[in-house]
Protein backbone atom coordinates (compact mmCIF):
# COMPACT_ATOMS: atom_id res chain seq x y z
CA MET A 1 30.08 5.13 13.24
CA SER A 2 26.81 3.18 13.26
CA LEU A 3 24.83 6.41 14.03
CA LYS A 4 26.78 8.12 10.99
CA ILE A 5 25.98 5.30 8.77
CA ASP A 6 22.33 5.53 9.77
CA GLN A 7 22.16 9.19 9.37
CA ASP A 8 23.62 8.60 5.85
CA HIS A 9 21.27 5.94 5.02
CA GLY A 10 18.26 8.25 6.13
CA ARG A 11 19.38 11.08 4.01
CA PHE A 12 19.70 8.71 0.95
CA ARG A 13 16.22 7.11 1.42
CA GLN A 14 14.90 10.88 1.68
CA ILE A 15 16.60 11.46 -1.78
CA VAL A 16 15.19 8.29 -3.30
CA ARG A 17 11.56 9.28 -1.84
CA GLY A 18 11.88 12.64 -3.43
CA ARG A 19 12.81 11.20 -6.71
CA ILE A 20 10.05 8.71 -6.80
CA ARG A 21 7.51 11.49 -5.79
CA GLN A 22 8.70 13.47 -8.59
CA ASN A 23 8.44 10.89 -11.21
CA LEU A 24 5.33 9.19 -9.60
CA ARG A 25 2.92 10.27 -12.29
CA LYS A 26 5.14 8.94 -14.91
CA TYR A 27 5.48 5.51 -13.12
CA ILE A 28 1.78 5.37 -12.69
CA SER A 29 0.74 6.26 -16.34
CA GLN A 30 3.37 3.99 -17.95
CA GLY A 31 2.84 0.96 -15.60
CA GLU A 32 6.46 0.47 -14.88
CA LEU A 33 5.92 -0.33 -11.25
CA VAL A 34 3.13 -2.80 -11.82
CA GLY A 35 5.61 -5.33 -13.81
CA ARG A 36 8.25 -4.88 -11.22
CA LYS A 37 5.98 -6.01 -8.19
CA GLY A 38 7.44 -8.67 -5.85
CA LYS A 39 5.92 -10.22 -2.79
CA ASP A 40 6.38 -7.04 -0.55
CA LEU A 41 8.71 -4.89 -2.54
CA VAL A 42 8.46 -3.06 -5.81
CA SER A 43 11.77 -2.52 -7.52
CA ILE A 44 12.13 1.03 -9.13
CA PRO A 45 14.64 2.34 -11.65
CA ILE A 46 15.67 5.87 -10.26
CA PRO A 47 17.73 7.99 -12.78
CA HIS A 48 20.54 10.49 -11.84
CA ILE A 49 21.63 9.22 -8.53
CA ASP A 50 25.29 8.32 -8.28
CA ILE A 51 26.59 6.09 -5.48
CA PRO A 52 30.25 6.43 -4.64
CA ARG A 53 32.18 3.31 -4.44
CA PHE A 54 35.97 2.51 -3.70
CA ARG A 55 37.62 0.74 -6.64
CA TYR A 56 40.73 -1.32 -5.80
CA GLY A 57 43.48 -1.91 -8.26
CA ASP A 58 45.53 -5.03 -8.68
CA LYS A 59 48.52 -5.37 -6.33
CA GLN A 60 51.89 -4.23 -7.34
CA ARG A 61 50.88 -2.42 -10.32
CA GLY A 62 52.14 0.98 -9.20
CA GLY A 63 49.98 4.03 -8.04
CA VAL A 64 49.68 5.98 -4.91
CA GLY A 65 51.52 4.43 -2.07
CA GLN A 66 53.28 1.93 -3.98
CA GLY A 67 56.95 1.85 -4.94
CA ASP A 68 59.60 4.54 -4.78
CA GLY A 69 58.73 8.00 -5.69
CA ASN A 70 60.24 11.73 -5.54
CA PRO A 71 58.59 14.78 -4.39
CA GLY A 72 56.59 16.39 -7.24
CA ASP A 73 55.92 13.15 -9.20
CA PRO A 74 52.29 13.07 -10.78
CA ILE A 75 49.80 11.03 -8.98
CA HIS A 76 48.36 8.32 -11.26
CA GLY A 77 45.92 5.47 -10.54
CA GLY A 78 46.91 1.87 -10.82
CA ASP A 79 44.85 1.59 -14.02
CA GLU A 80 45.94 4.54 -16.00
CA LYS A 81 44.12 4.26 -19.49
CA GLN A 82 45.39 5.44 -22.70
CA PRO A 83 43.54 8.24 -24.40
CA GLY A 84 40.14 7.08 -25.82
CA GLN A 85 39.69 6.75 -29.59
CA GLY A 86 35.93 8.06 -29.53
CA GLN A 87 34.71 11.45 -30.19
CA ALA A 88 33.99 13.74 -27.17
CA GLY A 89 30.15 14.13 -26.33
CA SER A 90 28.34 16.96 -24.63
CA ASP A 91 25.45 15.18 -22.74
CA ALA A 92 25.73 13.59 -19.42
CA GLY A 93 25.56 9.77 -18.93
CA ASP A 94 22.52 8.13 -17.60
CA HIS A 95 23.08 6.59 -14.20
CA ILE A 96 20.15 4.37 -13.33
CA LEU A 97 19.94 2.87 -9.78
CA GLU A 98 17.37 0.04 -8.86
CA VAL A 99 16.17 0.77 -5.42
CA ASP A 100 13.48 -1.55 -3.52
CA VAL A 101 10.60 0.27 -1.89
CA THR A 102 8.14 -1.46 0.22
CA LEU A 103 4.29 -1.42 -1.00
CA ASP A 104 3.25 0.50 2.33
CA GLU A 105 5.91 3.20 1.56
CA LEU A 106 4.87 3.58 -2.06
CA ALA A 107 1.28 4.03 -1.08
CA ALA A 108 2.42 6.69 1.45
CA ILE A 109 4.10 8.62 -1.37
CA LEU A 110 0.98 7.98 -3.52
CA GLY A 111 -1.10 9.41 -0.54
CA GLU A 112 1.18 12.50 -0.20
CA GLU A 113 1.25 13.18 -3.86
CA LEU A 114 -2.63 12.97 -4.55
CA GLU A 115 -3.34 14.23 -1.02
CA LEU A 116 -5.30 11.42 -0.12
CA PRO A 117 -7.17 11.37 3.35
CA ASP A 118 -6.86 8.29 5.52
CA ILE A 119 -10.09 6.20 5.41
CA GLN A 120 -12.51 6.09 8.29
CA ASP A 121 -13.12 2.39 9.18
CA LYS A 122 -16.97 1.62 8.89
CA GLY A 123 -17.03 -1.88 10.51
CA LYS A 124 -15.19 -4.67 12.11
CA ASN A 125 -14.42 -8.15 10.91
CA LYS A 126 -15.20 -11.31 13.11
CA ILE A 127 -11.44 -12.06 12.82
CA SER A 128 -9.70 -10.77 15.92
CA ASN A 129 -6.14 -10.31 17.06
CA ALA A 130 -5.20 -11.59 20.48
CA HIS A 131 -2.25 -10.02 22.37
CA ASP A 132 -1.00 -9.82 26.14
CA ARG A 133 -1.30 -6.68 28.09
CA TYR A 134 0.47 -5.94 31.27
CA SER A 135 -2.28 -4.50 33.49
CA GLY A 136 -1.94 -5.59 37.05
CA ILE A 137 0.30 -6.90 39.99
CA ARG A 138 0.36 -10.13 41.70
CA ARG A 139 2.20 -12.14 44.39
CA VAL A 140 3.67 -14.72 42.32
CA GLY A 141 5.42 -14.91 38.98
CA PRO A 142 8.76 -15.46 37.32
CA GLU A 143 11.73 -13.34 38.45
CA SER A 144 11.91 -11.68 34.89
CA LEU A 145 8.64 -9.98 35.61
CA ARG A 146 9.36 -8.78 39.17
CA HIS A 147 8.06 -5.33 39.95
CA PHE A 148 11.06 -3.43 41.52
CA LYS A 149 9.29 -0.53 42.87
CA ARG A 150 6.33 -2.39 44.19
CA THR A 151 8.64 -4.92 45.83
CA TYR A 152 10.66 -2.27 47.51
CA ARG A 153 7.62 -0.42 48.59
CA GLU A 154 6.17 -3.66 50.00
CA ALA A 155 9.37 -4.30 51.90
CA LEU A 156 9.70 -0.78 53.27
CA LYS A 157 6.13 -0.76 54.63
CA ARG A 158 6.84 -4.23 56.36
CA MET A 159 10.12 -2.95 57.94
CA ILE A 160 8.40 0.48 59.13
CA ALA A 161 5.52 -1.38 60.45
CA SER A 162 7.72 -3.90 62.29
CA GLY A 163 10.09 -1.20 63.68
CA THR A 164 13.17 -2.74 61.87
CA PHE A 165 13.83 0.22 59.60
CA GLN A 166 16.83 2.42 60.44
CA HIS A 167 16.86 5.96 59.40
CA ASP A 168 20.59 6.09 59.78
CA LYS A 169 21.06 2.94 57.96
CA PRO A 170 18.35 2.76 55.49
CA VAL A 171 18.91 -0.72 54.17
CA VAL A 172 15.75 -2.44 52.79
CA VAL A 173 15.85 -6.22 52.16
CA PRO A 174 12.80 -7.83 50.71
CA VAL A 175 11.65 -11.25 51.87
CA PRO A 176 9.63 -13.69 49.61
CA ASP A 177 6.43 -12.21 50.96
CA ASP A 178 7.27 -8.74 49.80
CA LYS A 179 7.96 -9.53 46.18
CA ARG A 180 5.41 -8.33 43.58
CA TYR A 181 5.22 -9.38 39.87
CA ARG A 182 3.56 -7.98 36.70
CA SER A 183 0.41 -9.73 35.61
CA TRP A 184 -1.10 -9.95 32.21
CA LYS A 185 -4.35 -10.59 30.46
CA THR A 186 -4.84 -11.51 26.86
CA VAL A 187 -6.84 -8.82 25.02
CA THR A 188 -8.74 -9.53 22.04
CA GLU A 189 -9.44 -6.81 19.61
CA PRO A 190 -11.55 -6.92 16.50
CA VAL A 191 -9.48 -6.10 13.12
CA ALA A 192 -11.00 -3.82 10.38
CA ASN A 193 -11.29 -5.48 7.20
CA ALA A 194 -12.09 -4.56 3.72
CA VAL A 195 -13.01 -6.11 0.56
CA ILE A 196 -12.66 -4.77 -2.93
CA ILE A 197 -14.93 -6.32 -5.70
CA TYR A 198 -13.55 -5.40 -9.02
CA MET A 199 -15.80 -5.61 -12.06
CA MET A 200 -14.78 -5.28 -15.69
CA ASP A 201 -16.56 -5.13 -18.89
CA VAL A 202 -14.84 -7.60 -21.29
CA SER A 203 -16.99 -7.30 -24.23
CA GLY A 204 -15.62 -6.79 -27.70
CA SER A 205 -15.37 -2.97 -27.37
CA MET A 206 -12.96 -3.34 -24.59
CA GLY A 207 -9.35 -3.84 -25.97
CA ASP A 208 -5.77 -4.61 -24.59
CA GLU A 209 -5.26 -0.72 -23.94
CA GLN A 210 -8.35 -0.44 -21.97
CA LYS A 211 -7.60 -3.31 -19.95
CA GLU A 212 -4.09 -2.23 -19.32
CA ILE A 213 -5.66 0.86 -17.88
CA VAL A 214 -7.76 -1.00 -15.58
CA ARG A 215 -4.77 -3.26 -14.42
CA ILE A 216 -2.52 -0.13 -13.68
CA GLU A 217 -5.28 1.78 -11.80
CA SER A 218 -6.39 -1.37 -9.86
CA PHE A 219 -2.77 -1.87 -8.79
CA TRP A 220 -2.72 1.54 -7.10
CA ILE A 221 -6.13 1.24 -5.65
CA ASP A 222 -4.88 -2.05 -4.09
CA ALA A 223 -1.60 -0.37 -2.81
CA TRP A 224 -3.52 2.47 -0.95
CA LEU A 225 -6.25 0.35 0.59
CA THR A 226 -3.89 -2.18 1.61
CA LYS A 227 -2.16 0.38 3.67
CA GLN A 228 -5.19 1.58 5.09
CA TYR A 229 -6.39 -1.85 6.11
CA LYS A 230 -4.55 -4.86 7.66
CA GLY A 231 -6.79 -7.34 5.98
CA LEU A 232 -7.86 -6.59 2.39
CA GLU A 233 -9.59 -9.12 0.25
CA SER A 234 -10.06 -8.80 -3.63
CA ARG A 235 -12.84 -10.40 -5.55
CA PHE A 236 -12.93 -10.14 -9.20
CA ILE A 237 -15.84 -10.25 -11.68
CA ILE A 238 -15.87 -10.00 -15.48
CA HIS A 239 -18.87 -9.56 -17.69
CA ASP A 240 -20.08 -9.41 -21.27
CA ALA A 241 -23.78 -10.34 -21.65
CA VAL A 242 -23.29 -12.53 -18.63
CA ALA A 243 -21.02 -12.21 -15.59
CA ARG A 244 -18.66 -14.68 -13.60
CA GLU A 245 -16.27 -14.51 -10.89
CA VAL A 246 -12.73 -15.27 -11.80
CA ASP A 247 -9.14 -15.23 -10.20
CA ARG A 248 -6.84 -12.19 -10.40
CA GLU A 249 -4.96 -13.60 -13.42
CA THR A 250 -8.04 -14.38 -15.45
CA PHE A 251 -9.44 -10.87 -14.75
CA PHE A 252 -6.37 -9.08 -15.99
CA HIS A 253 -5.68 -11.31 -19.08
CA THR A 254 -8.87 -12.72 -20.28
CA ARG A 255 -9.91 -12.06 -23.94
CA GLU A 256 -13.74 -12.04 -24.43
CA SER A 257 -16.23 -10.54 -26.95
CA GLY A 258 -19.83 -10.37 -27.27
CA GLY A 259 -22.68 -8.10 -26.08
CA THR A 260 -22.73 -6.09 -22.73
CA MET A 261 -25.24 -6.40 -19.92
CA ILE A 262 -23.86 -4.47 -17.09
CA SER A 263 -26.80 -5.65 -14.45
CA SER A 264 -25.38 -9.29 -14.76
CA ALA A 265 -22.17 -8.05 -12.90
CA TYR A 266 -24.04 -5.94 -10.52
CA LYS A 267 -26.36 -8.80 -9.39
CA LEU A 268 -23.38 -11.07 -9.12
CA CYS A 269 -21.69 -8.38 -6.93
CA ALA A 270 -24.82 -8.23 -4.63
CA GLN A 271 -24.81 -11.99 -4.23
CA ILE A 272 -21.07 -11.94 -3.15
CA MET A 273 -21.91 -9.27 -0.67
CA ASP A 274 -25.01 -11.06 0.59
CA ALA A 275 -23.11 -14.27 1.03
CA ASP A 276 -19.57 -13.24 2.39
CA TYR A 277 -19.50 -9.71 3.71
CA PRO A 278 -21.82 -8.37 6.25
CA ALA A 279 -22.17 -4.75 6.11
CA ASP A 280 -21.69 -4.06 9.82
CA GLU A 281 -18.42 -6.00 9.82
CA TRP A 282 -16.82 -5.16 6.35
CA ASN A 283 -15.57 -2.17 4.60
CA ILE A 284 -17.00 -2.87 1.06
CA TYR A 285 -15.58 -1.17 -2.17
CA PRO A 286 -17.17 -2.18 -5.49
CA PHE A 287 -15.27 -0.93 -8.50
CA HIS A 288 -16.57 -1.24 -12.00
CA PHE A 289 -14.62 -0.42 -15.13
CA SER A 290 -16.44 -0.13 -18.65
CA ASP A 291 -16.23 1.76 -21.65
CA GLY A 292 -20.03 2.81 -21.02
CA ASP A 293 -21.84 0.88 -23.48
CA ASN A 294 -24.82 -1.19 -22.32
CA TRP A 295 -27.41 -3.24 -24.15
CA SER A 296 -30.39 -1.31 -23.61
CA MET A 297 -31.97 1.20 -21.36
CA ASP A 298 -33.94 -1.39 -19.67
CA ASP A 299 -30.82 -3.02 -18.43
CA THR A 300 -29.53 0.33 -17.41
CA LEU A 301 -32.64 0.82 -15.19
CA SER A 302 -32.08 -2.69 -13.84
CA CYS A 303 -28.49 -1.56 -12.79
CA VAL A 304 -29.93 1.51 -11.16
CA ASP A 305 -32.46 -0.67 -9.10
CA VAL A 306 -29.50 -3.17 -7.84
CA LEU A 307 -27.25 -0.22 -6.97
CA LYS A 308 -30.02 1.47 -5.27
CA HIS A 309 -31.51 -1.31 -3.16
CA ARG A 310 -28.74 -4.01 -2.74
CA VAL A 311 -25.37 -2.61 -3.14
CA LEU A 312 -25.27 1.12 -2.11
CA PRO A 313 -26.98 0.51 1.53
CA ARG A 314 -24.07 -1.69 2.30
CA ALA A 315 -20.97 -0.33 0.52
CA ASN A 316 -18.62 2.53 1.74
CA MET A 317 -18.83 3.76 -1.80
CA PHE A 318 -19.49 2.60 -5.30
CA ALA A 319 -16.91 3.54 -7.89
CA TYR A 320 -17.49 3.61 -11.70
CA GLY A 321 -14.51 4.29 -14.04
CA GLN A 322 -15.31 4.67 -17.62
CA VAL A 323 -12.27 3.89 -19.98
CA GLU A 324 -12.58 5.71 -23.27
CA SER A 325 -12.93 3.31 -26.20
CA PRO A 326 -13.46 4.06 -29.94
CA TYR A 327 -15.98 1.42 -30.01
CA GLY A 328 -18.05 2.36 -26.92
CA SER A 329 -20.96 4.85 -26.73
CA GLY A 330 -20.07 6.19 -23.31
CA GLN A 331 -23.55 6.63 -22.32
CA PHE A 332 -23.46 4.53 -19.04
CA ILE A 333 -21.78 7.28 -17.03
CA LYS A 334 -24.25 9.91 -17.96
CA ASP A 335 -27.06 7.70 -16.82
CA LEU A 336 -25.33 7.10 -13.40
CA ARG A 337 -24.86 10.71 -12.85
CA GLU A 338 -28.42 11.42 -13.81
CA HIS A 339 -29.87 8.81 -11.21
CA PHE A 340 -27.03 9.33 -8.56
CA GLY A 341 -25.61 12.86 -9.23
CA ARG A 342 -26.49 13.88 -5.67
CA ASP A 343 -25.62 10.56 -3.87
CA GLU A 344 -22.17 10.86 -2.48
CA ARG A 345 -21.83 7.12 -2.16
CA VAL A 346 -21.48 6.93 -5.84
CA VAL A 347 -18.20 8.23 -7.48
CA THR A 348 -17.88 8.43 -11.21
CA SER A 349 -14.70 9.03 -13.04
CA GLU A 350 -13.89 9.19 -16.89
CA ILE A 351 -10.55 7.73 -17.82
CA ARG A 352 -9.48 9.03 -21.52
CA ASP A 353 -6.13 7.54 -21.55
CA LYS A 354 -3.16 6.37 -19.46
CA ASP A 355 -2.45 9.98 -18.60
CA GLY A 356 -5.90 9.98 -16.87
CA ILE A 357 -5.16 7.33 -14.37
CA VAL A 358 -3.74 9.70 -11.70
CA GLY A 359 -6.85 12.01 -11.86
CA SER A 360 -9.24 8.94 -11.69
CA ILE A 361 -7.39 7.53 -8.47
CA LYS A 362 -7.96 10.91 -6.86
CA ASP A 363 -11.57 11.00 -7.76
CA PHE A 364 -12.14 7.56 -6.24
CA LEU A 365 -9.86 7.81 -3.08
CA GLY A 366 -9.83 11.55 -2.43
CA LYS A 367 -12.90 11.54 -0.19
CA GLY A 368 -11.43 9.18 2.36
CA LYS A 369 -14.53 6.94 2.56
């Protein structure tokens, strides 16, 4: 019975997984999953899956198996209802089922749908995991770790050498000196770690819709990279004419205005990398989102210089997403492509609206860096 239940549950999970995959692009573009995120789970509304359930009527109200009956009597449920008063309809009803999906499973579905490759680790963090590994044999130890085969072999060798072993009566009885026990040693392994440094333009031309696009895309980038790395840190920078580091809540909900100097964000990003993330120990992912409007060409050239000499030499890649805004010039992505068009470490993506989020995620994560 338990095996049958497990099989049925497995089939149901496959159905749910298929429905999520079919509607994944809709979930991404509408941001439904972001608002439903829990600690480790995401609650997802899945339409058109009916779950059969038994419904029990009240006792002694008639129905099948209750009271007297004669052959040929019609069978009715205990709660037989009168004909309804409403008009007949032709459409099927909506059956919405809330299912909980782990973020790892959700990221796996994302990877399958967008055909994202696994990321190759660049470095190892100083933080290490320690675990015990059984790697040898010794003469003393707890009985729970006694090695049966080695103990038997030692006893057999002793009896043969002493001439006490009888071929017609092959009984082997170990003595304390014959006993062998598994031994272990503590193995320390470095853990691959990664940091995402999010930067967002919060000048007057970046409105609520543009920030919502950044919020949704960042959620999915986080989900995928968290699946790839056991330890993932996130840092957040907002900028207009000046840049400052903030927490996640401020990053996604701040309302700013003013001019734009992108180089201020890149310089702060480089300072964070210098202070906290050695390139040989960390996988570093700077992501910058803007509408492409910068204060001047001089500041754009300053951005190019910071990227070329301070950021790119130590980052797995640098990702720039340009969100379309009716108030931004959109020039910055052209400048980046002009200076870094042949540099595979620089990935650019244009995000026209929420429907463009899926393609942008593929642009950023599709190379497995």
